[in-house]
Amino acid sequence: MVKYLVVIIVAVTLIFFGVRYVKFFNSVKTGKQLAATSTPFAFTLPNPQKRLLIIGDSTAVGVGSSDPSGSIAGKFHRDFLGVEIINISRSGAQLAEIATMLDRAEGNFDLILIQGGANDIIYFTPLSKSADQLDMLFKEAKGRAPEVVSITSGDVGLAPMFPWPLNWVYSYRSKIFLDRFKKIAADDGVRFVELYQPRADDLLSQDIARFYAPDGLHLTGDGYEVWYQKILETLGRDNPLRR
């Protein structure tokens, strides 16, 4: 009897985790499809009075939004029509690649927005390596703009895409990475957008259908709006695009 009970428990467990991981791999496939159809929002002007540079990963591209205007770059254009927006971003980029994006940008800027680091968490980049890359990136960016803002993510483990135990692992990595990133930003004079919240306080987790794209990882236009408002809040009265 005990033997049959053990077999039943094992079978149910395998089915439970099998279903969850089938959903996970389907979500990964959906995310790749979303990324393949997304392009970074940019806006050029002949003689701009203000210039904004955005470099980063899929969150800077705006993957998950129904159209480019729903991305953070698109929202900056919505609120600051006279600002030139240069967006050099690529889905899947880690901090090592994001540093090369800054090298490809021409001239100086009034504001540089760096959206990156989440892929370093997801792809298990060592913290020491990511920290060194981010420190160098911040220092270079400060030489190109009076104001630099860094935004990574909240708790990656809260994204609906990830089943247990991946969600637990990513929650742990998110906390230690974001704590280090925040300290580096403070040391380098960069404004760090604080998004990390416990699940009970995390706004995105309260309405997954509204804030998360179908892949359960990227955000919708409403989700990016939440992040965008946090960016504006972090800049406060020192927002150089308002001057």
Protein backbone atom coordinates (compact mmCIF):
# COMPACT_ATOMS: atom_id res chain seq x y z
CA MET A 1 0.00 0.00 0.00
CA VAL A 2 2.79 2.37 0.97
CA LYS A 3 4.60 1.52 -2.27
CA TYR A 4 1.59 2.46 -4.39
CA LEU A 5 1.10 5.67 -2.39
CA VAL A 6 4.71 6.69 -3.05
CA VAL A 7 4.26 5.98 -6.76
CA ILE A 8 1.10 8.09 -6.85
CA ILE A 9 2.79 10.99 -5.04
CA VAL A 10 5.78 10.90 -7.38
CA ALA A 11 3.53 10.73 -10.44
CA VAL A 12 1.39 13.68 -9.28
CA THR A 13 4.53 15.69 -8.50
CA LEU A 14 6.01 15.03 -11.93
CA ILE A 15 2.76 15.96 -13.64
CA PHE A 16 2.48 19.15 -11.57
CA PHE A 17 6.00 20.32 -12.35
CA GLY A 18 5.78 19.04 -15.91
CA VAL A 19 2.75 21.23 -16.63
CA ARG A 20 4.39 24.26 -15.03
CA TYR A 21 7.59 23.88 -17.00
CA VAL A 22 5.72 23.31 -20.25
CA LYS A 23 4.05 26.68 -19.58
CA PHE A 24 7.46 28.17 -18.83
CA PHE A 25 8.98 27.06 -22.12
CA ASN A 26 5.89 28.26 -23.98
CA SER A 27 6.34 31.64 -22.28
CA VAL A 28 9.98 31.75 -23.38
CA LYS A 29 8.86 31.11 -26.96
CA THR A 30 6.23 33.85 -26.71
CA GLY A 31 8.84 36.27 -25.35
CA LYS A 32 11.12 35.61 -28.31
CA GLN A 33 8.24 36.27 -30.69
CA LEU A 34 7.45 39.57 -28.95
CA ALA A 35 11.09 40.62 -29.10
CA ALA A 36 11.32 39.79 -32.80
CA THR A 37 8.48 42.19 -33.61
CA SER A 38 9.60 45.07 -31.36
CA THR A 39 11.72 48.07 -32.35
CA PRO A 40 13.20 50.80 -30.12
CA PHE A 41 11.35 54.11 -30.18
CA ALA A 42 13.52 57.06 -31.26
CA PHE A 43 12.85 60.66 -32.28
CA THR A 44 15.37 62.84 -34.08
CA LEU A 45 15.40 66.61 -34.57
CA PRO A 46 17.58 68.84 -36.79
CA ASN A 47 18.56 71.28 -34.02
CA PRO A 48 17.45 69.82 -30.70
CA GLN A 49 17.60 71.91 -27.55
CA LYS A 50 17.58 68.80 -25.37
CA ARG A 51 18.92 65.31 -26.01
CA LEU A 52 18.02 62.04 -24.28
CA LEU A 53 20.02 58.85 -24.77
CA ILE A 54 18.47 55.51 -23.87
CA ILE A 55 20.63 52.38 -23.85
CA GLY A 56 19.61 48.99 -22.60
CA ASP A 57 17.87 45.68 -23.02
CA SER A 58 14.35 44.60 -24.03
CA THR A 59 12.81 46.90 -21.43
CA ALA A 60 14.41 49.85 -23.24
CA VAL A 61 13.17 48.50 -26.56
CA GLY A 62 9.70 48.27 -25.03
CA VAL A 63 9.10 44.57 -25.68
CA GLY A 64 5.60 43.68 -24.51
CA SER A 65 4.00 47.02 -25.34
CA SER A 66 1.45 46.89 -28.13
CA ASP A 67 3.33 49.64 -30.00
CA PRO A 68 6.62 51.55 -29.58
CA SER A 69 4.87 54.61 -28.13
CA GLY A 70 3.97 52.52 -25.10
CA SER A 71 7.63 52.04 -24.21
CA ILE A 72 9.44 54.27 -21.74
CA ALA A 73 11.11 56.06 -24.65
CA GLY A 74 7.69 56.65 -26.21
CA LYS A 75 6.38 58.04 -22.94
CA PHE A 76 9.28 60.49 -22.72
CA HIS A 77 8.34 61.68 -26.21
CA ARG A 78 4.72 62.03 -25.14
CA ASP A 79 5.66 64.37 -22.28
CA PHE A 80 8.71 66.11 -23.78
CA LEU A 81 7.93 66.72 -27.44
CA GLY A 82 10.92 68.97 -28.10
CA VAL A 83 13.49 66.46 -26.88
CA GLU A 84 15.56 64.37 -29.27
CA ILE A 85 15.54 60.72 -28.23
CA ILE A 86 18.39 58.44 -29.29
CA ASN A 87 17.58 54.85 -28.42
CA ILE A 88 20.35 52.28 -28.86
CA SER A 89 18.90 49.17 -27.25
CA ARG A 90 18.67 45.47 -28.00
CA SER A 91 16.56 42.69 -26.56
CA GLY A 92 18.67 40.25 -24.57
CA ALA A 93 21.52 42.69 -23.97
CA GLN A 94 23.53 42.30 -20.80
CA LEU A 95 25.61 45.02 -19.17
CA ALA A 96 28.74 44.11 -21.13
CA GLU A 97 26.93 44.87 -24.40
CA ILE A 98 25.11 47.92 -23.06
CA ALA A 99 28.51 49.52 -22.39
CA THR A 100 29.31 49.29 -26.11
CA MET A 101 26.03 51.08 -26.91
CA LEU A 102 27.30 54.16 -25.12
CA ASP A 103 30.43 54.09 -27.29
CA ARG A 104 28.24 54.10 -30.41
CA ALA A 105 26.26 57.17 -29.37
CA GLU A 106 27.52 60.45 -30.83
CA GLY A 107 27.86 63.66 -28.86
CA ASN A 108 26.75 64.60 -25.39
CA PHE A 109 23.33 64.47 -23.81
CA ASP A 110 21.22 66.23 -21.21
CA LEU A 111 20.09 62.91 -19.77
CA ILE A 112 21.20 59.31 -20.19
CA LEU A 113 18.83 56.52 -19.18
CA ILE A 114 20.42 53.11 -18.68
CA GLN A 115 17.92 50.24 -18.63
CA GLY A 116 19.90 47.11 -17.91
CA GLY A 117 21.04 44.45 -15.50
CA ALA A 118 17.98 42.20 -15.46
CA ASN A 119 19.50 39.85 -18.03
CA ASP A 120 22.62 39.57 -15.89
CA ILE A 121 20.35 38.35 -13.10
CA ILE A 122 18.48 35.95 -15.37
CA TYR A 123 21.52 34.52 -17.19
CA PHE A 124 23.52 33.98 -14.00
CA THR A 125 26.30 36.47 -14.69
CA PRO A 126 28.57 36.61 -11.60
CA LEU A 127 27.72 39.59 -9.40
CA SER A 128 31.34 40.80 -9.29
CA LYS A 129 31.52 40.92 -13.10
CA SER A 130 28.20 42.75 -13.46
CA ALA A 131 29.16 45.21 -10.73
CA ASP A 132 32.47 46.08 -12.38
CA GLN A 133 30.81 46.54 -15.77
CA LEU A 134 28.10 48.76 -14.32
CA ASP A 135 30.63 50.88 -12.44
CA MET A 136 32.63 51.50 -15.62
CA LEU A 137 29.43 52.23 -17.57
CA PHE A 138 28.26 54.76 -14.97
CA LYS A 139 31.59 56.57 -14.96
CA GLU A 140 31.63 56.82 -18.76
CA ALA A 141 27.99 57.96 -18.88
CA LYS A 142 28.64 60.72 -16.32
CA GLY A 143 31.21 62.09 -18.73
CA ARG A 144 28.56 62.38 -21.44
CA ALA A 145 25.61 63.83 -19.51
CA PRO A 146 25.04 65.89 -16.32
CA GLU A 147 22.29 63.50 -15.25
CA VAL A 148 22.34 59.70 -15.53
CA VAL A 149 19.49 57.45 -14.42
CA SER A 150 19.73 53.69 -13.97
CA ILE A 151 16.77 51.33 -13.92
CA THR A 152 17.07 47.54 -13.80
CA SER A 153 13.90 45.84 -12.61
CA GLY A 154 12.03 44.92 -9.50
CA ASP A 155 12.13 41.41 -8.11
CA VAL A 156 12.61 39.31 -11.26
CA GLY A 157 11.35 36.27 -9.37
CA LEU A 158 7.89 37.84 -9.17
CA ALA A 159 7.48 37.67 -12.94
CA PRO A 160 4.67 35.17 -13.69
CA MET A 161 6.86 33.40 -16.26
CA PHE A 162 9.06 31.70 -13.70
CA PRO A 163 7.94 28.50 -11.92
CA TRP A 164 9.35 27.24 -8.64
CA PRO A 165 12.25 26.96 -7.87
CA LEU A 166 13.44 29.42 -10.55
CA ASN A 167 11.31 32.17 -9.06
CA TRP A 168 12.96 31.69 -5.66
CA VAL A 169 16.45 31.71 -7.20
CA TYR A 170 15.73 34.87 -9.19
CA SER A 171 14.22 36.61 -6.17
CA TYR A 172 17.41 35.91 -4.24
CA ARG A 173 19.63 37.11 -7.09
CA SER A 174 17.48 40.21 -7.63
CA LYS A 175 17.93 41.34 -4.04
CA ILE A 176 21.70 40.98 -3.92
CA PHE A 177 22.22 42.43 -7.43
CA LEU A 178 19.94 45.41 -6.91
CA ASP A 179 21.46 46.22 -3.53
CA ARG A 180 24.92 46.28 -5.13
CA PHE A 181 23.72 48.27 -8.16
CA LYS A 182 22.12 50.84 -5.86
CA LYS A 183 25.36 51.30 -3.93
CA ILE A 184 27.43 51.68 -7.11
CA ALA A 185 24.97 54.28 -8.40
CA ALA A 186 25.24 56.26 -5.15
CA ASP A 187 29.05 56.14 -5.28
CA ASP A 188 29.11 57.26 -8.94
CA GLY A 189 26.51 60.03 -8.63
CA VAL A 190 23.92 58.19 -10.71
CA ARG A 191 20.20 58.27 -9.90
CA PHE A 192 18.97 54.74 -9.19
CA VAL A 193 15.29 53.91 -9.73
CA GLU A 194 14.13 51.75 -6.83
CA LEU A 195 11.64 49.16 -8.07
CA TYR A 196 12.24 46.26 -5.68
CA GLN A 197 9.22 45.52 -3.48
CA PRO A 198 7.92 42.51 -1.57
CA ARG A 199 5.13 40.72 -3.45
CA ALA A 200 2.47 42.20 -1.17
CA ASP A 201 3.59 45.74 -2.07
CA ASP A 202 4.50 45.14 -5.72
CA LEU A 203 1.96 46.96 -7.89
CA LEU A 204 2.65 44.88 -11.00
CA SER A 205 1.86 41.66 -9.11
CA GLN A 206 -1.57 42.99 -8.15
CA ASP A 207 -2.90 42.93 -11.71
CA ILE A 208 -0.86 40.57 -13.88
CA ALA A 209 -3.24 40.73 -16.85
CA ARG A 210 -2.95 44.51 -16.99
CA PHE A 211 0.75 45.00 -16.35
CA TYR A 212 2.43 41.90 -17.83
CA ALA A 213 2.69 40.95 -21.50
CA PRO A 214 1.58 37.45 -22.61
CA ASP A 215 5.02 35.97 -21.96
CA GLY A 216 4.75 36.79 -18.25
CA LEU A 217 8.14 38.55 -18.20
CA HIS A 218 7.94 41.77 -20.19
CA LEU A 219 5.54 44.57 -19.42
CA THR A 220 2.57 46.06 -21.20
CA GLY A 221 2.28 49.77 -21.93
CA ASP A 222 0.58 50.16 -18.54
CA GLY A 223 3.42 48.30 -16.87
CA TYR A 224 6.02 50.55 -18.48
CA GLU A 225 3.96 53.53 -17.35
CA VAL A 226 4.50 52.44 -13.75
CA TRP A 227 8.27 52.32 -14.34
CA TYR A 228 8.22 55.63 -16.22
CA GLN A 229 6.49 57.42 -13.36
CA LYS A 230 9.15 56.01 -11.01
CA ILE A 231 11.83 57.47 -13.28
CA LEU A 232 10.20 60.90 -13.20
CA GLU A 233 9.82 60.62 -9.44
CA THR A 234 13.51 59.75 -9.10
CA LEU A 235 14.55 62.74 -11.23
CA GLY A 236 12.20 65.08 -9.39
CA ARG A 237 12.91 68.78 -9.79
CA ASP A 238 16.35 68.03 -11.22
CA ASN A 239 14.89 66.61 -14.44
CA PRO A 240 17.09 68.33 -17.06
CA LEU A 241 14.46 67.83 -19.77
CA ARG A 242 12.19 70.31 -17.98
CA ARG A 243 14.72 73.12 -17.83
